Amino acid sequence: MVNNFKWHQLEKEEKEEIKKNAKNLLDEFSSKLEKIKVKDHHFSRDFGTREEGEPWKTDREFQDLMFLNAPFVEDNLLIAEKGSWK
């Protein structure tokens, strides 16, 4: 299953479909956000610290897919240049 999602050069039609789907997703998400009622005290700058707990468990298939598509992987870590995506 993972091999179906490996990186490949996109055709023009695929790019257009992705753009269309992304726009629809963002439009739907933003319309749902507008409906959320939030009290003012939720925007306090006093965030405090978080409780330590169990670490995030990553789905193994998702992790394999990410590593297959990453340009550099070392010791099960993605290696990326800070700010190179800007």
Protein backbone atom coordinates (compact mmCIF):
# COMPACT_ATOMS: atom_id res chain seq x y z
CA MET A 1 0.00 0.00 0.00
CA VAL A 2 2.80 2.44 0.88
CA ASN A 3 4.36 2.14 -2.56
CA ASN A 4 1.22 3.64 -4.16
CA PHE A 5 2.06 6.99 -2.54
CA LYS A 6 5.76 7.27 -3.32
CA TRP A 7 6.96 10.50 -4.89
CA HIS A 8 6.46 10.85 -8.64
CA GLN A 9 6.36 13.73 -11.10
CA LEU A 10 2.79 15.05 -11.21
CA GLU A 11 0.90 15.52 -14.43
CA LYS A 12 -0.88 18.85 -15.01
CA GLU A 13 -4.28 17.21 -14.39
CA GLU A 14 -3.10 15.78 -11.05
CA LYS A 15 -1.83 19.20 -9.94
CA GLU A 16 -5.14 20.85 -10.82
CA GLU A 17 -7.11 18.18 -8.98
CA ILE A 18 -4.91 18.58 -5.89
CA LYS A 19 -5.35 22.37 -5.96
CA LYS A 20 -9.12 22.00 -6.32
CA ASN A 21 -9.34 19.45 -3.48
CA ALA A 22 -7.13 21.57 -1.19
CA LYS A 23 -9.23 24.68 -1.83
CA ASN A 24 -12.45 22.76 -1.11
CA LEU A 25 -10.97 21.35 2.09
CA LEU A 26 -9.81 24.77 3.31
CA ASP A 27 -13.13 26.41 2.41
CA GLU A 28 -15.06 23.72 4.28
CA PHE A 29 -12.74 23.93 7.29
CA SER A 30 -12.88 27.73 7.48
CA SER A 31 -16.69 27.73 7.25
CA LYS A 32 -16.82 25.33 10.21
CA LEU A 33 -14.37 27.48 12.19
CA GLU A 34 -16.62 30.50 11.74
CA LYS A 35 -19.42 28.66 13.54
CA ILE A 36 -17.36 28.03 16.71
CA LYS A 37 -18.24 30.25 19.65
CA VAL A 38 -15.19 31.09 21.81
CA LYS A 39 -15.12 32.94 25.12
CA ASP A 40 -12.58 35.76 25.42
CA HIS A 41 -10.69 34.13 28.29
CA HIS A 42 -9.52 31.38 25.92
CA PHE A 43 -7.10 33.87 24.36
CA SER A 44 -5.10 34.48 27.53
CA ARG A 45 -1.33 34.78 27.07
CA ASP A 46 -0.73 32.79 30.28
CA PHE A 47 -0.28 29.35 28.76
CA GLY A 48 1.75 27.76 31.57
CA THR A 49 3.45 24.44 31.02
CA ARG A 50 2.08 21.18 29.75
CA GLU A 51 1.82 17.94 31.65
CA GLU A 52 4.26 15.25 30.59
CA GLY A 53 2.58 12.10 29.40
CA GLU A 54 2.93 9.26 27.00
CA PRO A 55 4.78 10.13 23.77
CA TRP A 56 2.88 10.22 20.48
CA LYS A 57 2.55 6.80 18.87
CA THR A 58 3.14 7.09 15.12
CA ASP A 59 1.47 4.62 12.80
CA ARG A 60 4.27 2.45 11.38
CA GLU A 61 2.87 2.52 7.81
CA PHE A 62 2.66 6.34 7.92
CA GLN A 63 6.23 6.55 9.26
CA ASP A 64 7.51 4.27 6.47
CA LEU A 65 5.73 6.43 3.88
CA MET A 66 7.27 9.62 5.31
CA PHE A 67 10.76 8.12 5.28
CA LEU A 68 10.32 6.87 1.69
CA ASN A 69 9.45 10.40 0.55
CA ALA A 70 12.02 12.26 2.65
CA PRO A 71 15.20 13.40 0.91
CA PHE A 72 17.37 12.64 3.98
CA VAL A 73 16.72 10.21 6.85
CA GLU A 74 19.22 9.36 9.57
CA ASP A 75 18.58 7.15 12.63
CA ASN A 76 14.80 7.25 12.03
CA LEU A 77 14.85 11.07 11.95
CA LEU A 78 13.98 13.35 9.05
CA ILE A 79 16.93 15.62 8.30
CA ALA A 80 15.93 19.04 6.97
CA GLU A 81 17.55 22.43 6.61
CA LYS A 82 15.97 24.99 8.92
CA GLY A 83 13.98 27.53 6.92
CA SER A 84 14.80 26.02 3.51
CA TRP A 85 11.06 25.83 2.69
CA LYS A 86 10.62 29.61 2.81
